[in-house]
N, C-alpha and C. Protein backbone atom coordinates (compact mmCIF):
# COMPACT_ATOMS: atom_id res chain seq x y z
N MET A 1 70.27 186.65 282.55
CA MET A 1 70.93 188.05 283.03
C MET A 1 69.52 189.32 282.25
N LEU A 2 68.91 189.46 282.85
CA LEU A 2 67.70 190.50 282.39
C LEU A 2 68.08 191.78 282.05
N PHE A 3 69.19 192.39 282.71
CA PHE A 3 69.69 194.06 282.23
C PHE A 3 70.85 193.79 281.46
N LYS A 4 71.70 192.32 281.09
CA LYS A 4 72.94 192.44 280.26
C LYS A 4 72.77 193.23 279.05
N ASP A 5 73.65 193.86 278.90
CA ASP A 5 73.61 195.02 277.48
C ASP A 5 72.73 196.02 277.67
N LYS A 6 71.89 196.19 278.25
CA LYS A 6 70.88 197.40 278.38
C LYS A 6 71.43 197.98 278.79
N THR A 7 71.13 199.40 278.75
CA THR A 7 71.66 200.67 278.84
C THR A 7 70.36 201.55 279.69
N ILE A 8 71.08 201.84 280.78
CA ILE A 8 70.03 202.24 281.89
C ILE A 8 70.56 203.73 282.52
N PHE A 9 69.87 204.82 282.40
CA PHE A 9 69.73 205.75 282.51
C PHE A 9 69.88 206.12 283.99
N ILE A 10 70.71 206.70 284.85
CA ILE A 10 70.24 206.46 286.36
C ILE A 10 70.50 207.96 286.77
N THR A 11 69.54 208.96 287.31
CA THR A 11 69.93 210.39 288.15
C THR A 11 70.34 210.23 289.49
N GLY A 12 70.83 211.01 289.72
CA GLY A 12 71.58 210.75 291.29
C GLY A 12 72.23 209.49 291.39
N ALA A 13 73.18 208.84 290.63
CA ALA A 13 73.79 207.78 290.45
C ALA A 13 75.06 208.10 291.16
N SER A 14 75.52 209.17 291.58
CA SER A 14 76.98 209.23 292.47
C SER A 14 77.19 208.96 293.61
N ARG A 15 75.70 208.72 294.53
CA ARG A 15 75.52 208.18 295.84
C ARG A 15 74.38 207.67 295.98
N GLY A 16 74.27 207.17 297.14
CA GLY A 16 72.90 206.85 297.66
C GLY A 16 72.15 205.84 296.99
N ILE A 17 70.71 206.34 297.08
CA ILE A 17 69.71 204.98 296.19
C ILE A 17 70.18 204.69 294.95
N GLY A 18 70.51 205.61 294.07
CA GLY A 18 70.59 205.87 292.62
C GLY A 18 72.37 204.93 292.67
N LYS A 19 73.05 205.09 293.47
CA LYS A 19 74.53 204.48 292.96
C LYS A 19 74.22 202.92 293.44
N ALA A 20 73.16 202.71 294.46
CA ALA A 20 73.25 201.28 295.12
C ALA A 20 72.51 200.52 293.74
N ILE A 21 71.27 201.18 293.11
CA ILE A 21 70.82 200.58 292.04
C ILE A 21 71.63 200.18 290.60
N ALA A 22 72.65 201.16 290.34
CA ALA A 22 73.45 201.27 289.71
C ALA A 22 74.33 200.01 289.62
N LEU A 23 74.89 200.01 290.94
CA LEU A 23 75.76 198.69 291.28
C LEU A 23 75.28 197.41 291.09
N ARG A 24 73.99 197.65 291.52
CA ARG A 24 73.18 195.92 291.09
C ARG A 24 72.97 195.80 289.89
N LEU A 25 72.58 196.41 289.10
CA LEU A 25 72.63 196.67 287.59
C LEU A 25 73.77 196.03 287.24
N ALA A 26 74.75 196.81 287.44
CA ALA A 26 76.07 196.16 286.86
C ALA A 26 76.42 195.09 286.95
N LYS A 27 76.02 194.76 288.19
CA LYS A 27 76.47 193.04 288.32
C LYS A 27 75.64 191.90 287.58
N GLU A 28 74.42 192.59 286.88
CA GLU A 28 73.80 191.96 285.51
C GLU A 28 74.53 192.45 283.99
N GLY A 29 75.63 193.30 284.13
CA GLY A 29 76.45 193.57 283.00
C GLY A 29 75.66 194.48 282.27
N ALA A 30 75.05 195.50 282.85
CA ALA A 30 74.22 196.53 282.26
C ALA A 30 75.03 197.51 281.82
N ASN A 31 74.87 198.05 281.04
CA ASN A 31 75.53 199.91 280.75
C ASN A 31 74.64 200.99 281.81
N ILE A 32 75.41 201.25 282.40
CA ILE A 32 75.15 202.60 283.49
C ILE A 32 75.32 203.91 282.78
N VAL A 33 74.40 205.07 282.63
CA VAL A 33 74.87 206.54 282.37
C VAL A 33 74.43 206.81 283.65
N VAL A 34 75.39 207.22 284.40
CA VAL A 34 75.68 208.01 285.64
C VAL A 34 75.50 209.50 285.53
N ALA A 35 73.95 209.61 285.68
CA ALA A 35 73.92 211.43 285.59
C ALA A 35 73.63 211.86 286.87
N ALA A 36 74.70 212.93 287.11
CA ALA A 36 74.43 213.45 288.49
C ALA A 36 74.96 214.68 288.55
N LYS A 37 75.10 215.46 289.31
CA LYS A 37 75.43 216.87 289.12
C LYS A 37 77.06 216.87 289.78
N SER A 38 77.66 216.03 290.26
CA SER A 38 79.09 215.88 291.22
C SER A 38 79.87 215.60 290.71
N THR A 39 80.58 216.46 290.19
CA THR A 39 82.03 216.29 289.43
C THR A 39 83.46 216.22 290.52
N THR A 40 83.07 216.99 291.36
CA THR A 40 83.91 216.94 292.77
C THR A 40 83.47 216.85 293.81
N GLU A 41 84.56 216.01 294.40
CA GLU A 41 83.58 215.06 295.94
C GLU A 41 83.66 216.05 296.92
N ASN A 42 82.50 216.04 297.58
CA ASN A 42 82.13 217.02 298.86
C ASN A 42 82.26 216.17 300.00
N PRO A 43 83.41 216.90 300.78
CA PRO A 43 84.09 215.56 301.89
C PRO A 43 82.69 215.12 302.75
N LYS A 44 81.81 216.10 303.08
CA LYS A 44 80.49 215.68 303.62
C LYS A 44 79.73 214.35 303.22
N LEU A 45 79.87 214.48 301.97
CA LEU A 45 78.54 213.66 301.13
C LEU A 45 79.46 212.67 300.38
N GLY A 46 80.98 212.56 299.92
CA GLY A 46 81.78 211.51 299.13
C GLY A 46 80.92 211.42 297.56
N GLY A 47 81.73 210.83 296.85
CA GLY A 47 81.47 210.35 295.91
C GLY A 47 81.05 211.22 294.52
N THR A 48 81.84 210.74 293.34
CA THR A 48 81.33 211.70 292.08
C THR A 48 80.72 210.83 291.18
N ILE A 49 80.55 211.43 290.10
CA ILE A 49 79.98 210.51 288.85
C ILE A 49 81.44 209.36 287.97
N PHE A 50 82.42 209.90 288.53
CA PHE A 50 83.55 209.49 288.12
C PHE A 50 84.01 208.39 289.12
N SER A 51 83.89 208.54 290.10
CA SER A 51 84.20 207.56 291.05
C SER A 51 82.97 206.27 291.11
N ALA A 52 81.93 206.94 290.85
CA ALA A 52 80.64 205.95 290.56
C ALA A 52 81.13 204.76 289.74
N ALA A 53 81.37 205.63 288.39
CA ALA A 53 81.58 205.15 287.51
C ALA A 53 82.90 203.75 287.33
N LYS A 54 83.90 204.01 288.14
CA LYS A 54 84.73 203.30 288.55
C LYS A 54 84.19 201.76 289.07
N GLU A 55 83.36 202.19 290.18
CA GLU A 55 82.63 201.35 291.14
C GLU A 55 81.69 200.21 290.23
N ILE A 56 81.01 201.24 289.06
CA ILE A 56 80.17 200.41 288.39
C ILE A 56 81.23 198.98 287.61
N GLU A 57 82.05 199.57 286.94
CA GLU A 57 82.99 198.71 285.72
C GLU A 57 83.39 197.66 286.52
N ALA A 58 84.14 198.10 287.94
CA ALA A 58 84.31 196.79 288.80
C ALA A 58 83.50 195.76 289.13
N ALA A 59 82.42 196.32 289.33
CA ALA A 59 81.11 195.58 289.54
C ALA A 59 80.77 194.69 288.26
N GLY A 60 81.13 194.93 287.03
CA GLY A 60 81.01 194.15 285.74
C GLY A 60 80.16 194.75 284.73
N GLY A 61 79.78 195.93 284.96
CA GLY A 61 79.21 196.87 284.01
C GLY A 61 79.85 197.88 283.43
N LYS A 62 79.60 198.63 282.53
CA LYS A 62 80.04 199.39 281.83
C LYS A 62 79.22 200.96 282.16
N ALA A 63 80.29 202.25 282.08
CA ALA A 63 79.65 203.28 282.82
C ALA A 63 79.92 204.41 281.65
N LEU A 64 79.10 205.33 281.92
CA LEU A 64 79.21 206.62 281.15
C LEU A 64 78.82 208.09 282.05
N PRO A 65 80.07 208.38 282.72
CA PRO A 65 79.64 209.57 283.62
C PRO A 65 79.05 210.94 282.94
N VAL A 66 78.14 211.08 283.22
CA VAL A 66 77.66 212.62 282.39
C VAL A 66 77.10 213.25 283.55
N GLN A 67 77.78 214.74 283.69
CA GLN A 67 76.97 215.63 284.61
C GLN A 67 76.07 216.11 283.98
N CYS A 68 74.79 216.44 285.07
CA CYS A 68 73.34 216.69 284.43
C CYS A 68 72.88 217.11 285.68
N ASP A 69 72.47 218.33 285.70
CA ASP A 69 71.12 218.75 286.64
C ASP A 69 70.04 218.73 286.09
N ILE A 70 68.81 217.50 286.75
CA ILE A 70 67.73 217.50 286.43
C ILE A 70 66.70 218.40 286.79
N ARG A 71 67.33 219.79 286.97
CA ARG A 71 66.59 221.03 287.13
C ARG A 71 66.48 221.59 285.92
N ASP A 72 67.63 221.47 285.18
CA ASP A 72 67.67 222.20 283.83
C ASP A 72 67.58 221.36 282.71
N GLU A 73 66.36 221.76 281.95
CA GLU A 73 65.84 220.66 280.79
C GLU A 73 66.84 220.58 279.74
N LEU A 74 67.81 221.74 279.49
CA LEU A 74 68.86 221.38 278.45
C LEU A 74 69.69 220.54 278.59
N GLN A 75 70.24 220.59 280.16
CA GLN A 75 70.93 219.88 280.79
C GLN A 75 70.62 218.27 280.23
N ILE A 76 69.24 218.28 280.59
CA ILE A 76 68.57 216.56 280.33
C ILE A 76 68.92 216.19 279.12
N GLU A 77 68.69 217.08 277.88
CA GLU A 77 68.60 216.96 276.64
C GLU A 77 69.89 216.58 276.12
N ILE A 78 70.98 217.36 276.78
CA ILE A 78 72.35 216.95 276.14
C ILE A 78 72.84 215.74 276.87
N ALA A 79 72.36 215.30 278.27
CA ALA A 79 72.67 214.04 278.74
C ALA A 79 72.27 212.72 277.90
N VAL A 80 71.07 212.76 277.59
CA VAL A 80 70.50 212.00 276.93
C VAL A 80 70.79 211.86 275.58
N GLN A 81 71.34 212.72 275.11
CA GLN A 81 72.28 212.78 273.69
C GLN A 81 73.20 212.11 273.82
N LYS A 82 74.09 212.10 274.93
CA LYS A 82 75.68 211.43 274.90
C LYS A 82 75.14 209.92 274.87
C-alpha cells in the first residue's frame, strides 16, 4: 500500500472530487486532513468536514477535519500547523 500511514492534505475534501480522492486514499490506510470551509451542511450541496471525516474513517483511514478557506493565507498556515 503506497499511501499507508502517509498524511495527505486535501482541500475541498468535504464533497465532490476532493472527497472521492480522500476516500480512495483512506482505503489504502492514509491519514487525511479534510480541509474545507463547510462545517454546517448546505441542503443543496450536502457534506461537511465532519461527515467526510466519518466516511474516511469508515473506509479505513484516519481523518482530521480542519475548517479552512484557501483564499485566506492565515487560515492555510493554521491548517498546516494542525
